[in-house]
Structures are given as structure tokens and as C-alpha cells.
Amino acid sequence: QTRLGVLLCINGTGILNAWMKRTVAPDVSYADLNTMAEEVPIGCEGLSIIPFGNGAERILQNRDIGSSIHGLNFNIHRRNHLLRAAQEGIVYSFRMGIDVMRDMGMNITNIHAGHANMFLSPLFREALACVSNATIDLYNTDGAAGAAKGAGIGAGIYANNDEAFATLEHVSTIEPDTQKQQAYFEAYERWQNCLSKYILIHS
């Protein structure tokens, strides 16, 4: 039985969304925050956020470069732009990690995730599906339930993986939106350029 796999570790980039909620939009719910972010076009009109503000980052060879905002224009950008740029930045770090895995020879065409945390955001789901060119299948579960199932498998409570996840409820499937992909690819490329320049400064 295969027991080893590849783990993509993005060191808490999702905490950026919580920081934005706490600092930029403390007066609204996460659902309203997502709606506000959706009012801004893809690419945030030139605004990019590097989300690595939670310590050393594995996909950056353990560099600790911090988080940063790029392209901020006081005449154009509002808090809605910051909220969307944060979610896009998290997605782009996810895509960067997926690229590393693909370079290792992995064929990533489908992402399975719990309908929780960042995956509660329609914007996040759309952006990730588009920029990764992968289908996302969401299930009615979360990380805590997944960890408990994994422990149950390890302890021999379940006969096998199929038994452990037999009751898992499929919630929805998100396909890449081909009408929006080019805009996301261009925004991702700009984000990558910002990251590359920022890494040089911190080398």
C-alpha cells in the first residue's frame, strides 16, 4: 500500500486574508468581504500582494521575505482592491507551488478540497481553477475532519481509505473559466515579476 506522497507547504499564506479582515475590513463578515473583493476586476487594476508574511517560506527555499504590496495607486485603489489582491496573491502562491509539483513530474488536473476556509470564497475558487487550469471538487468537510479520518486509518479503525471516506459528500465542481483565464494568467505573470524583483532585494 502506498503511504508516501508529496506535501505542498505554503506557510500560512491564508493568514493574509484573516489579516485583511482584521485590519482593513473589521466591520464586515467574511461573506461580505468576498462580495466586496468580487467588485474589483481580475488583476486588481495593477495591484499585487506578495502573501509570504508568516515566516520562512518552503517554496522560496526557506527565505523569509515578508509580505508586500506592489503597484498601489492612491487615486485608483480602494480597500476592495486590497481585499481582492490578497486573495489573488494567495492563489498565485498556490499556483507557484503547483508548478513546482508539476516540474517534479506530477500531473495535476484536479484539486480536491473541503468546502471551508479560503474555499468558501467564490472568487478564490474561480481564480485557483483558472490560474492552475485544474478542476476543483469541493466536499462537505474541513481540515479537522480530514485529520481525524487520517488518524482513524492509521489506527486501523477503518479497513481502508474507501471506507473512511465513503460518507464524504460532494458539494460542487468548479471548472476553469476559459473566458477569464487569460486575464488571470497576465495578473499571475505580473505577480511573479513582482516576487522575483522582491526576492532579489532580499538575497
Foldseek 3Di string as FASTA:
>chain_A
DDDDDDDQPFPPLLVLLVVLCVPVNVPDDVVVLLVLLVVADQLLVPKAKQRQARAQGVLVVRDRLHIDIPDDDPVRDDSSSVSNNSLLNVLLVVLSSVVVVVVVVDDAAEAEAECDRSVVRPSSQQLNQLQNVHKYWYWPDHDVLVVVLVVCVVVVVDVDPCRSCVPIGTDDMDHHDPVCNVSSNVSSVSNVVVVVVSVVVVD
